[in-house]
Amino acid sequence: MAKNHNWMNFKTEQHGKVYHGYQRLYDGIDASAAIAFIVGSALFFSEATMVAGTWLFLFGSVFFGVRPVVHLVRDFHMARLPTPGAGGDD
Protein backbone atom coordinates (compact mmCIF):
# COMPACT_ATOMS: atom_id res chain seq x y z
CA MET A 1 0.00 0.00 0.00
CA ALA A 2 1.20 3.54 -0.77
CA LYS A 3 2.38 5.76 2.03
CA ASN A 4 -0.78 7.27 3.40
CA HIS A 5 -0.67 10.80 4.62
CA ASN A 6 -3.51 11.87 6.89
CA TRP A 7 -5.04 13.92 4.10
CA MET A 8 -4.41 11.46 1.25
CA ASN A 9 -5.79 7.96 1.18
CA PHE A 10 -5.17 6.22 -2.11
CA LYS A 11 -6.98 3.03 -3.06
CA THR A 12 -3.78 1.36 -4.28
CA GLU A 13 -0.06 2.07 -4.47
CA GLN A 14 -0.51 2.68 -8.19
CA HIS A 15 -3.07 5.41 -7.46
CA GLY A 16 -0.54 7.14 -5.20
CA LYS A 17 2.24 6.91 -7.78
CA VAL A 18 0.04 8.25 -10.57
CA TYR A 19 -1.25 11.08 -8.41
CA HIS A 20 2.24 12.13 -7.33
CA GLY A 21 3.55 11.92 -10.90
CA TYR A 22 0.88 14.35 -12.05
CA GLN A 23 1.58 16.55 -9.03
CA ARG A 24 5.26 16.81 -10.05
CA LEU A 25 4.18 17.75 -13.59
CA TYR A 26 1.75 20.35 -12.23
CA ASP A 27 4.42 21.82 -9.96
CA GLY A 28 6.89 21.98 -12.85
CA ILE A 29 4.36 23.82 -15.01
CA ASP A 30 3.57 26.16 -12.12
CA ALA A 31 7.25 26.96 -11.56
CA SER A 32 7.84 27.47 -15.30
CA ALA A 33 4.94 29.91 -15.48
CA ALA A 34 6.25 31.87 -12.51
CA ILE A 35 9.77 32.03 -13.96
CA ALA A 36 8.43 33.15 -17.35
CA PHE A 37 6.44 35.96 -15.73
CA ILE A 38 9.30 37.09 -13.49
CA VAL A 39 11.87 37.14 -16.28
CA GLY A 40 9.33 38.66 -18.68
CA SER A 41 8.63 41.42 -16.18
CA ALA A 42 12.34 42.19 -15.82
CA LEU A 43 12.72 42.32 -19.61
CA PHE A 44 10.02 44.98 -19.80
CA PHE A 45 12.34 47.51 -18.15
CA SER A 46 14.20 47.96 -21.43
CA GLU A 47 12.72 48.67 -24.85
CA ALA A 48 15.44 46.51 -26.39
CA THR A 49 14.14 43.39 -24.58
CA MET A 50 10.42 44.18 -24.56
CA VAL A 51 9.60 41.74 -27.38
CA ALA A 52 11.31 38.89 -25.51
CA GLY A 53 9.40 39.90 -22.37
CA THR A 54 6.13 39.79 -24.31
CA TRP A 55 6.92 36.27 -25.52
CA LEU A 56 7.66 35.16 -21.97
CA PHE A 57 4.33 36.58 -20.82
CA LEU A 58 2.65 34.55 -23.56
CA PHE A 59 4.52 31.39 -22.51
CA GLY A 60 3.61 32.00 -18.87
CA SER A 61 -0.03 32.40 -19.83
CA VAL A 62 0.04 29.15 -21.80
CA PHE A 63 1.57 27.37 -18.80
CA PHE A 64 -1.22 28.69 -16.58
CA GLY A 65 -3.75 27.50 -19.16
CA VAL A 66 -2.25 24.00 -19.16
CA ARG A 67 -2.49 23.64 -15.37
CA PRO A 68 -6.21 22.76 -15.22
CA VAL A 69 -5.77 20.39 -18.17
CA VAL A 70 -3.19 18.45 -16.13
CA HIS A 71 -5.76 18.10 -13.33
CA LEU A 72 -8.44 16.87 -15.74
CA VAL A 73 -6.12 14.33 -17.34
CA ARG A 74 -5.02 13.15 -13.88
CA ASP A 75 -8.61 12.74 -12.72
CA PHE A 76 -9.57 10.72 -15.81
CA HIS A 77 -6.40 8.62 -15.47
CA MET A 78 -7.07 7.95 -11.78
CA ALA A 79 -10.69 6.99 -12.51
CA ARG A 80 -9.53 4.37 -15.02
CA LEU A 81 -7.07 2.68 -12.68
CA PRO A 82 -8.21 -0.69 -11.31
CA THR A 83 -9.34 -0.72 -7.71
CA PRO A 84 -9.45 -3.64 -5.28
CA GLY A 85 -12.82 -5.39 -5.35
CA ALA A 86 -13.97 -3.57 -8.47
CA GLY A 87 -14.94 -6.81 -10.15
CA GLY A 88 -13.93 -7.92 -13.60
CA ASP A 89 -11.72 -10.65 -12.17
CA ASP A 90 -14.19 -13.41 -13.03
PDB file of N, CA and C in Angstrom:
ATOM      1  N   MET A   1       0.854  -1.183   0.000  1.00  0.00           N
ATOM      2  CA  MET A   1       0.000   0.000   0.000  1.00  0.00           C
ATOM      3  C   MET A   1       0.888   1.229   0.000  1.00  0.00           C
ATOM      4  N   ALA A   2       0.437   2.295  -0.692  1.00  0.00           N
ATOM      5  CA  ALA A   2       1.195   3.542  -0.766  1.00  0.00           C
ATOM      6  C   ALA A   2       1.270   4.189   0.609  1.00  0.00           C
ATOM      7  N   LYS A   3       2.284   5.022   0.770  1.00  0.00           N
ATOM      8  CA  LYS A   3       2.377   5.761   2.026  1.00  0.00           C
ATOM      9  C   LYS A   3       1.146   6.644   2.144  1.00  0.00           C
ATOM     10  N   ASN A   4       0.417   6.463   3.196  1.00  0.00           N
ATOM     11  CA  ASN A   4      -0.784   7.268   3.399  1.00  0.00           C
ATOM     12  C   ASN A   4      -0.468   8.437   4.309  1.00  0.00           C
ATOM     13  N   HIS A   5      -0.743   9.616   3.798  1.00  0.00           N
ATOM     14  CA  HIS A   5      -0.670  10.804   4.622  1.00  0.00           C
ATOM     15  C   HIS A   5      -2.071  10.996   5.190  1.00  0.00           C
ATOM     16  N   ASN A   6      -2.192  11.685   6.264  1.00  0.00           N
ATOM     17  CA  ASN A   6      -3.508  11.865   6.887  1.00  0.00           C
ATOM     18  C   ASN A   6      -4.540  12.424   5.921  1.00  0.00           C
ATOM     19  N   TRP A   7      -4.104  13.265   4.985  1.00  0.00           N
ATOM     20  CA  TRP A   7      -5.044  13.920   4.096  1.00  0.00           C
ATOM     21  C   TRP A   7      -5.137  13.235   2.747  1.00  0.00           C
ATOM     22  N   MET A   8      -4.371  12.156   2.531  1.00  0.00           N
ATOM     23  CA  MET A   8      -4.411  11.457   1.251  1.00  0.00           C
ATOM     24  C   MET A   8      -4.527   9.969   1.486  1.00  0.00           C
ATOM     25  N   ASN A   9      -5.620   9.403   1.103  1.00  0.00           N
ATOM     26  CA  ASN A   9      -5.792   7.957   1.184  1.00  0.00           C
ATOM     27  C   ASN A   9      -6.050   7.428  -0.215  1.00  0.00           C
ATOM     28  N   PHE A  10      -5.045   6.764  -0.772  1.00  0.00           N
ATOM     29  CA  PHE A  10      -5.166   6.221  -2.111  1.00  0.00           C
ATOM     30  C   PHE A  10      -5.653   4.782  -2.023  1.00  0.00           C
ATOM     31  N   LYS A  11      -6.415   4.377  -3.036  1.00  0.00           N
ATOM     32  CA  LYS A  11      -6.976   3.035  -3.055  1.00  0.00           C
ATOM     33  C   LYS A  11      -5.896   1.973  -3.242  1.00  0.00           C
ATOM     34  N   THR A  12      -4.887   2.290  -4.046  1.00  0.00           N
ATOM     35  CA  THR A  12      -3.778   1.357  -4.281  1.00  0.00           C
ATOM     36  C   THR A  12      -2.473   2.144  -4.356  1.00  0.00           C
ATOM     37  N   GLU A  13      -1.369   1.430  -4.322  1.00  0.00           N
ATOM     38  CA  GLU A  13      -0.058   2.070  -4.467  1.00  0.00           C
ATOM     39  C   GLU A  13       0.048   2.742  -5.828  1.00  0.00           C
ATOM     40  N   GLN A  14      -0.531   2.106  -6.850  1.00  0.00           N
ATOM     41  CA  GLN A  14      -0.509   2.676  -8.194  1.00  0.00           C
ATOM     42  C   GLN A  14      -1.235   4.025  -8.232  1.00  0.00           C
ATOM     43  N   HIS A  15      -2.355   4.138  -7.521  1.00  0.00           N
ATOM     44  CA  HIS A  15      -3.067   5.408  -7.456  1.00  0.00           C
ATOM     45  C   HIS A  15      -2.163   6.504  -6.873  1.00  0.00           C
ATOM     46  N   GLY A  16      -1.441   6.169  -5.818  1.00  0.00           N
ATOM     47  CA  GLY A  16      -0.539   7.137  -5.202  1.00  0.00           C
ATOM     48  C   GLY A  16       0.575   7.563  -6.137  1.00  0.00           C
ATOM     49  N   LYS A  17       1.161   6.596  -6.842  1.00  0.00           N
ATOM     50  CA  LYS A  17       2.244   6.905  -7.781  1.00  0.00           C
ATOM     51  C   LYS A  17       1.748   7.790  -8.926  1.00  0.00           C
ATOM     52  N   VAL A  18       0.591   7.458  -9.476  1.00  0.00           N
ATOM     53  CA  VAL A  18       0.040   8.250 -10.572  1.00  0.00           C
ATOM     54  C   VAL A  18      -0.263   9.673 -10.093  1.00  0.00           C
ATOM     55  N   TYR A  19      -0.900   9.772  -8.948  1.00  0.00           N
ATOM     56  CA  TYR A  19      -1.253  11.082  -8.406  1.00  0.00           C
ATOM     57  C   TYR A  19       0.000  11.939  -8.218  1.00  0.00           C
ATOM     58  N   HIS A  20       1.022  11.358  -7.602  1.00  0.00           N
ATOM     59  CA  HIS A  20       2.242  12.126  -7.329  1.00  0.00           C
ATOM     60  C   HIS A  20       2.998  12.466  -8.605  1.00  0.00           C
ATOM     61  N   GLY A  21       2.934  11.603  -9.616  1.00  0.00           N
ATOM     62  CA  GLY A  21       3.551  11.919 -10.903  1.00  0.00           C
ATOM     63  C   GLY A  21       2.906  13.150 -11.534  1.00  0.00           C
ATOM     64  N   TYR A  22       1.577  13.179 -11.518  1.00  0.00           N
ATOM     65  CA  TYR A  22       0.878  14.349 -12.050  1.00  0.00           C
ATOM     66  C   TYR A  22       1.151  15.582 -11.202  1.00  0.00           C
ATOM     67  N   GLN A  23       1.296  15.410  -9.900  1.00  0.00           N
ATOM     68  CA  GLN A  23       1.582  16.548  -9.031  1.00  0.00           C
ATOM     69  C   GLN A  23       2.941  17.149  -9.367  1.00  0.00           C
ATOM     70  N   ARG A  24       3.939  16.306  -9.657  1.00  0.00           N
ATOM     71  CA  ARG A  24       5.255  16.813 -10.051  1.00  0.00           C
ATOM     72  C   ARG A  24       5.158  17.586 -11.366  1.00  0.00           C
ATOM     73  N   LEU A  25       4.379  17.053 -12.322  1.00  0.00           N
ATOM     74  CA  LEU A  25       4.181  17.747 -13.594  1.00  0.00           C
ATOM     75  C   LEU A  25       3.520  19.101 -13.357  1.00  0.00           C
ATOM     76  N   TYR A  26       2.470  19.115 -12.549  1.00  0.00           N
ATOM     77  CA  TYR A  26       1.745  20.348 -12.231  1.00  0.00           C
ATOM     78  C   TYR A  26       2.688  21.363 -11.586  1.00  0.00           C
ATOM     79  N   ASP A  27       3.481  20.916 -10.632  1.00  0.00           N
ATOM     80  CA  ASP A  27       4.417  21.821  -9.955  1.00  0.00           C
ATOM     81  C   ASP A  27       5.458  22.371 -10.926  1.00  0.00           C
ATOM     82  N   GLY A  28       5.929  21.531 -11.847  1.00  0.00           N
ATOM     83  CA  GLY A  28       6.893  21.981 -12.850  1.00  0.00           C
ATOM     84  C   GLY A  28       6.296  23.043 -13.763  1.00  0.00           C
ATOM     85  N   ILE A  29       5.048  22.837 -14.169  1.00  0.00           N
ATOM     86  CA  ILE A  29       4.365  23.823 -15.006  1.00  0.00           C
ATOM     87  C   ILE A  29       4.169  25.113 -14.226  1.00  0.00           C
ATOM     88  N   ASP A  30       3.774  24.995 -12.978  1.00  0.00           N
ATOM     89  CA  ASP A  30       3.568  26.164 -12.119  1.00  0.00           C
ATOM     90  C   ASP A  30       4.862  26.966 -11.977  1.00  0.00           C
ATOM     91  N   ALA A  31       5.958  26.286 -11.709  1.00  0.00           N
ATOM     92  CA  ALA A  31       7.248  26.960 -11.558  1.00  0.00           C
ATOM     93  C   ALA A  31       7.686  27.605 -12.873  1.00  0.00           C
ATOM     94  N   SER A  32       7.470  26.912 -13.989  1.00  0.00           N
ATOM     95  CA  SER A  32       7.837  27.468 -15.298  1.00  0.00           C
ATOM     96  C   SER A  32       7.050  28.731 -15.597  1.00  0.00           C
ATOM     97  N   ALA A  33       5.766  28.722 -15.268  1.00  0.00           N
ATOM     98  CA  ALA A  33       4.937  29.915 -15.481  1.00  0.00           C
ATOM     99  C   ALA A  33       5.451  31.082 -14.639  1.00  0.00           C
ATOM    100  N   ALA A  34       5.763  30.808 -13.387  1.00  0.00           N
ATOM    101  CA  ALA A  34       6.251  31.867 -12.507  1.00  0.00           C
ATOM    102  C   ALA A  34       7.571  32.439 -13.017  1.00  0.00           C
ATOM    103  N   ILE A  35       8.471  31.573 -13.435  1.00  0.00           N
ATOM    104  CA  ILE A  35       9.770  32.031 -13.956  1.00  0.00           C
ATOM    105  C   ILE A  35       9.570  32.865 -15.214  1.00  0.00           C
ATOM    106  N   ALA A  36       8.689  32.395 -16.112  1.00  0.00           N
ATOM    107  CA  ALA A  36       8.433  33.146 -17.348  1.00  0.00           C
ATOM    108  C   ALA A  36       7.901  34.535 -17.037  1.00  0.00           C
ATOM    109  N   PHE A  37       6.993  34.640 -16.077  1.00  0.00           N
ATOM    110  CA  PHE A  37       6.440  35.957 -15.733  1.00  0.00           C
ATOM    111  C   PHE A  37       7.464  36.845 -15.038  1.00  0.00           C
ATOM    112  N   ILE A  38       8.285  36.283 -14.179  1.00  0.00           N
ATOM    113  CA  ILE A  38       9.300  37.091 -13.485  1.00  0.00           C
ATOM    114  C   ILE A  38      10.341  37.608 -14.469  1.00  0.00           C
ATOM    115  N   VAL A  39      10.866  36.719 -15.303  1.00  0.00           N
ATOM    116  CA  VAL A  39      11.873  37.143 -16.283  1.00  0.00           C
ATOM    117  C   VAL A  39      11.246  38.099 -17.297  1.00  0.00           C
ATOM    118  N   GLY A  40      10.015  37.775 -17.742  1.00  0.00           N
ATOM    119  CA  GLY A  40       9.326  38.665 -18.678  1.00  0.00           C
ATOM    120  C   GLY A  40       9.130  40.054 -18.100  1.00  0.00           C
ATOM    121  N   SER A  41       8.807  40.124 -16.835  1.00  0.00           N
ATOM    122  CA  SER A  41       8.634  41.425 -16.182  1.00  0.00           C
ATOM    123  C   SER A  41       9.940  42.206 -16.166  1.00  0.00           C
ATOM    124  N   ALA A  42      11.030  41.522 -15.845  1.00  0.00           N
ATOM    125  CA  ALA A  42      12.341  42.187 -15.819  1.00  0.00           C
ATOM    126  C   ALA A  42      12.721  42.686 -17.223  1.00  0.00           C
ATOM    127  N   LEU A  43      12.384  41.920 -18.248  1.00  0.00           N
ATOM    128  CA  LEU A  43      12.724  42.322 -19.608  1.00  0.00           C
ATOM    129  C   LEU A  43      11.924  43.535 -20.071  1.00  0.00           C
ATOM    130  N   PHE A  44      10.835  43.829 -19.421  1.00  0.00           N
ATOM    131  CA  PHE A  44      10.022  44.981 -19.800  1.00  0.00           C
ATOM    132  C   PHE A  44      10.644  46.308 -19.362  1.00  0.00           C
ATOM    133  N   PHE A  45      11.703  46.269 -18.580  1.00  0.00           N
ATOM    134  CA  PHE A  45      12.341  47.514 -18.152  1.00  0.00           C
ATOM    135  C   PHE A  45      13.145  48.168 -19.270  1.00  0.00           C
ATOM    136  N   SER A  46      13.426  47.420 -20.319  1.00  0.00           N
ATOM    137  CA  SER A  46      14.197  47.964 -21.430  1.00  0.00           C
ATOM    138  C   SER A  46      13.419  47.763 -22.731  1.00  0.00           C
ATOM    139  N   GLU A  47      13.399  48.816 -23.572  1.00  0.00           N
ATOM    140  CA  GLU A  47      12.717  48.675 -24.855  1.00  0.00           C
ATOM    141  C   GLU A  47      13.402  47.644 -25.740  1.00  0.00           C
ATOM    142  N   ALA A  48      14.690  47.459 -25.565  1.00  0.00           N
ATOM    143  CA  ALA A  48      15.439  46.511 -26.389  1.00  0.00           C
ATOM    144  C   ALA A  48      15.025  45.062 -26.125  1.00  0.00           C
ATOM    145  N   THR A  49      14.511  44.778 -24.931  1.00  0.00           N
ATOM    146  CA  THR A  49      14.143  43.393 -24.581  1.00  0.00           C
ATOM    147  C   THR A  49      12.635  43.203 -24.396  1.00  0.00           C
ATOM    148  N   MET A  50      11.868  44.232 -24.773  1.00  0.00           N
ATOM    149  CA  MET A  50      10.423  44.180 -24.555  1.00  0.00           C
ATOM    150  C   MET A  50       9.743  43.062 -25.355  1.00  0.00           C
ATOM    151  N   VAL A  51      10.204  42.803 -26.565  1.00  0.00           N
ATOM    152  CA  VAL A  51       9.601  41.736 -27.380  1.00  0.00           C
ATOM    153  C   VAL A  51       9.835  40.384 -26.706  1.00  0.00           C
ATOM    154  N   ALA A  52      11.030  40.152 -26.214  1.00  0.00           N
ATOM    155  CA  ALA A  52      11.315  38.890 -25.511  1.00  0.00           C
ATOM    156  C   ALA A  52      10.441  38.785 -24.259  1.00  0.00           C
ATOM    157  N   GLY A  53      10.262  39.890 -23.560  1.00  0.00           N
ATOM    158  CA  GLY A  53       9.402  39.902 -22.373  1.00  0.00           C
ATOM    159  C   GLY A  53       7.964  39.562 -22.734  1.00  0.00           C
ATOM    160  N   THR A  54       7.488  40.093 -23.858  1.00  0.00           N
ATOM    161  CA  THR A  54       6.128  39.791 -24.309  1.00  0.00           C
ATOM    162  C   THR A  54       5.967  38.305 -24.594  1.00  0.00           C
ATOM    163  N   TRP A  55       6.972  37.715 -25.244  1.00  0.00           N
ATOM    164  CA  TRP A  55       6.922  36.268 -25.523  1.00  0.00           C
ATOM    165  C   TRP A  55       6.893  35.466 -24.230  1.00  0.00           C
ATOM    166  N   LEU A  56       7.664  35.884 -23.246  1.00  0.00           N
ATOM    167  CA  LEU A  56       7.662  35.160 -21.971  1.00  0.00           C
ATOM    168  C   LEU A  56       6.321  35.287 -21.262  1.00  0.00           C
ATOM    169  N   PHE A  57       5.676  36.446 -21.384  1.00  0.00           N
ATOM    170  CA  PHE A  57       4.330  36.584 -20.820  1.00  0.00           C
ATOM    171  C   PHE A  57       3.366  35.617 -21.515  1.00  0.00           C
ATOM    172  N   LEU A  58       3.507  35.491 -22.830  1.00  0.00           N
ATOM    173  CA  LEU A  58       2.652  34.553 -23.560  1.00  0.00           C
ATOM    174  C   LEU A  58       2.911  33.121 -23.098  1.00  0.00           C
ATOM    175  N   PHE A  59       4.186  32.743 -22.986  1.00  0.00           N
ATOM    176  CA  PHE A  59       4.516  31.390 -22.513  1.00  0.00           C
ATOM    177  C   PHE A  59       3.974  31.151 -21.106  1.00  0.00           C
ATOM    178  N   GLY A  60       4.132  32.132 -20.231  1.00  0.00           N
ATOM    179  CA  GLY A  60       3.613  31.999 -18.871  1.00  0.00           C
ATOM    180  C   GLY A  60       2.111  31.808 -18.871  1.00  0.00           C
ATOM    181  N   SER A  61       1.422  32.534 -19.725  1.00  0.00           N
ATOM    182  CA  SER A  61      -0.028  32.402 -19.826  1.00  0.00           C
ATOM    183  C   SER A  61      -0.424  31.016 -20.330  1.00  0.00           C
ATOM    184  N   VAL A  62       0.312  30.500 -21.295  1.00  0.00           N
ATOM    185  CA  VAL A  62       0.039  29.146 -21.802  1.00  0.00           C
ATOM    186  C   VAL A  62       0.253  28.129 -20.686  1.00  0.00           C
ATOM    187  N   PHE A  63       1.332  28.281 -19.931  1.00  0.00           N
ATOM    188  CA  PHE A  63       1.571  27.367 -18.802  1.00  0.00           C
ATOM    189  C   PHE A  63       0.397  27.398 -17.829  1.00  0.00           C
ATOM    190  N   PHE A  64      -0.085  28.592 -17.504  1.00  0.00           N
ATOM    191  CA  PHE A  64      -1.220  28.693 -16.585  1.00  0.00           C
ATOM    192  C   PHE A  64      -2.482  28.086 -17.189  1.00  0.00           C
ATOM    193  N   GLY A  65      -2.609  28.125 -18.502  1.00  0.00           N
ATOM    194  CA  GLY A  65      -3.748  27.499 -19.160  1.00  0.00           C
ATOM    195  C   GLY A  65      -3.665  25.986 -19.165  1.00  0.00           C
ATOM    196  N   VAL A  66      -2.457  25.450 -19.141  1.00  0.00           N
ATOM    197  CA  VAL A  66      -2.253  24.002 -19.157  1.00  0.00           C
ATOM    198  C   VAL A  66      -2.509  23.388 -17.775  1.00  0.00           C
ATOM    199  N   ARG A  67      -2.335  24.166 -16.738  1.00  0.00           N
ATOM    200  CA  ARG A  67      -2.490  23.645 -15.370  1.00  0.00           C
ATOM    201  C   ARG A  67      -3.813  22.908 -15.144  1.00  0.00           C
ATOM    202  N   PRO A  68      -4.966  23.498 -15.460  1.00  0.00           N
ATOM    203  CA  PRO A  68      -6.211  22.761 -15.224  1.00  0.00           C
ATOM    204  C   PRO A  68      -6.353  21.531 -16.115  1.00  0.00           C
ATOM    205  N   VAL A  69      -5.726  21.560 -17.284  1.00  0.00           N
ATOM    206  CA  VAL A  69      -5.770  20.388 -18.166  1.00  0.00           C
ATOM    207  C   VAL A  69      -5.044  19.220 -17.507  1.00  0.00           C
ATOM    208  N   VAL A  70      -3.931  19.498 -16.848  1.00  0.00           N
ATOM    209  CA  VAL A  70      -3.195  18.453 -16.132  1.00  0.00           C
ATOM    210  C   VAL A  70      -4.095  17.823 -15.068  1.00  0.00           C
ATOM    211  N   HIS A  71      -4.848  18.636 -14.361  1.00  0.00           N
ATOM    212  CA  HIS A  71      -5.758  18.102 -13.334  1.00  0.00           C
ATOM    213  C   HIS A  71      -6.844  17.236 -13.957  1.00  0.00           C
ATOM    214  N   LEU A  72      -7.408  17.667 -15.074  1.00  0.00           N
ATOM    215  CA  LEU A  72      -8.441  16.870 -15.738  1.00  0.00           C
ATOM    216  C   LEU A  72      -7.896  15.534 -16.218  1.00  0.00           C
ATOM    217  N   VAL A  73      -6.734  15.569 -16.850  1.00  0.00           N
ATOM    218  CA  VAL A  73      -6.118  14.329 -17.337  1.00  0.00           C
ATOM    219  C   VAL A  73      -5.820  13.402 -16.166  1.00  0.00           C
ATOM    220  N   ARG A  74      -5.287  13.955 -15.080  1.00  0.00           N
ATOM    221  CA  ARG A  74      -5.015  13.154 -13.882  1.00  0.00           C
ATOM    222  C   ARG A  74      -6.290  12.504 -13.358  1.00  0.00           C
ATOM    223  N   ASP A  75      -7.358  13.283 -13.252  1.00  0.00           N
ATOM    224  CA  ASP A  75      -8.610  12.745 -12.722  1.00  0.00           C
ATOM    225  C   ASP A  75      -9.161  11.625 -13.590  1.00  0.00           C
ATOM    226  N   PHE A  76      -9.114  11.791 -14.912  1.00  0.00           N
ATOM    227  CA  PHE A  76      -9.565  10.725 -15.810  1.00  0.00           C
ATOM    228  C   PHE A  76      -8.666   9.497 -15.699  1.00  0.00           C
ATOM    229  N   HIS A  77      -7.353   9.722 -15.610  1.00  0.00           N
ATOM    230  CA  HIS A  77      -6.404   8.618 -15.467  1.00  0.00           C
ATOM    231  C   HIS A  77      -6.659   7.857 -14.170  1.00  0.00           C
ATOM    232  N   MET A  78      -6.832   8.594 -13.080  1.00  0.00           N
ATOM    233  CA  MET A  78      -7.073   7.954 -11.779  1.00  0.00           C
ATOM    234  C   MET A  78      -8.381   7.159 -11.795  1.00  0.00           C
ATOM    235  N   ALA A  79      -9.396   7.680 -12.464  1.00  0.00           N
ATOM    236  CA  ALA A  79     -10.688   6.991 -12.513  1.00  0.00           C
ATOM    237  C   ALA A  79     -10.608   5.683 -13.288  1.00  0.00           C
ATOM    238  N   ARG A  80      -9.665   5.590 -14.208  1.00  0.00           N
ATOM    239  CA  ARG A  80      -9.534   4.374 -15.020  1.00  0.00           C
ATOM    240  C   ARG A  80      -8.640   3.309 -14.391  1.00  0.00           C
ATOM    241  N   LEU A  81      -7.955   3.654 -13.325  1.00  0.00           N
ATOM    242  CA  LEU A  81      -7.074   2.679 -12.676  1.00  0.00           C
ATOM    243  C   LEU A  81      -7.924   1.610 -11.970  1.00  0.00           C
ATOM    244  N   PRO A  82      -7.461   0.371 -12.006  1.00  0.00           N
ATOM    245  CA  PRO A  82      -8.207  -0.685 -11.310  1.00  0.00           C
ATOM    246  C   PRO A  82      -8.170  -0.486  -9.802  1.00  0.00           C
ATOM    247  N   THR A  83      -9.270  -0.823  -9.167  1.00  0.00           N
ATOM    248  CA  THR A  83      -9.342  -0.724  -7.714  1.00  0.00           C
ATOM    249  C   THR A  83      -9.637  -2.102  -7.132  1.00  0.00           C
ATOM    250  N   PRO A  84      -9.189  -2.345  -5.909  1.00  0.00           N
ATOM    251  CA  PRO A  84      -9.455  -3.641  -5.283  1.00  0.00           C
ATOM    252  C   PRO A  84     -10.958  -3.845  -5.132  1.00  0.00           C
ATOM    253  N   GLY A  85     -11.417  -5.045  -5.501  1.00  0.00           N
ATOM    254  CA  GLY A  85     -12.821  -5.391  -5.347  1.00  0.00           C
ATOM    255  C   GLY A  85     -13.727  -4.747  -6.379  1.00  0.00           C
ATOM    256  N   ALA A  86     -13.160  -4.246  -7.455  1.00  0.00           N
ATOM    257  CA  ALA A  86     -13.969  -3.569  -8.468  1.00  0.00           C
ATOM    258  C   ALA A  86     -14.630  -4.556  -9.417  1.00  0.00           C
ATOM    259  N   GLY A  87     -14.349  -5.804  -9.259  1.00  0.00           N
ATOM    260  CA  GLY A  87     -14.937  -6.805 -10.148  1.00  0.00           C
ATOM    261  C   GLY A  87     -14.105  -6.956 -11.407  1.00  0.00           C
ATOM    262  N   GLY A  88     -14.650  -7.690 -12.349  1.00  0.00           N
ATOM    263  CA  GLY A  88     -13.930  -7.923 -13.604  1.00  0.00           C
ATOM    264  C   GLY A  88     -12.863  -8.975 -13.492  1.00  0.00           C
ATOM    265  N   ASP A  89     -12.733  -9.616 -12.337  1.00  0.00           N
ATOM    266  CA  ASP A  89     -11.715 -10.646 -12.167  1.00  0.00           C
ATOM    267  C   ASP A  89     -12.313 -12.040 -12.316  1.00  0.00           C
ATOM    268  N   ASP A  90     -13.492 -12.133 -12.912  1.00  0.00           N
ATOM    269  CA  ASP A  90     -14.191 -13.409 -13.035  1.00  0.00           C
ATOM    270  C   ASP A  90     -13.438 -14.397 -13.878  1.00  0.00           C
TER     271      ASP A  90
END
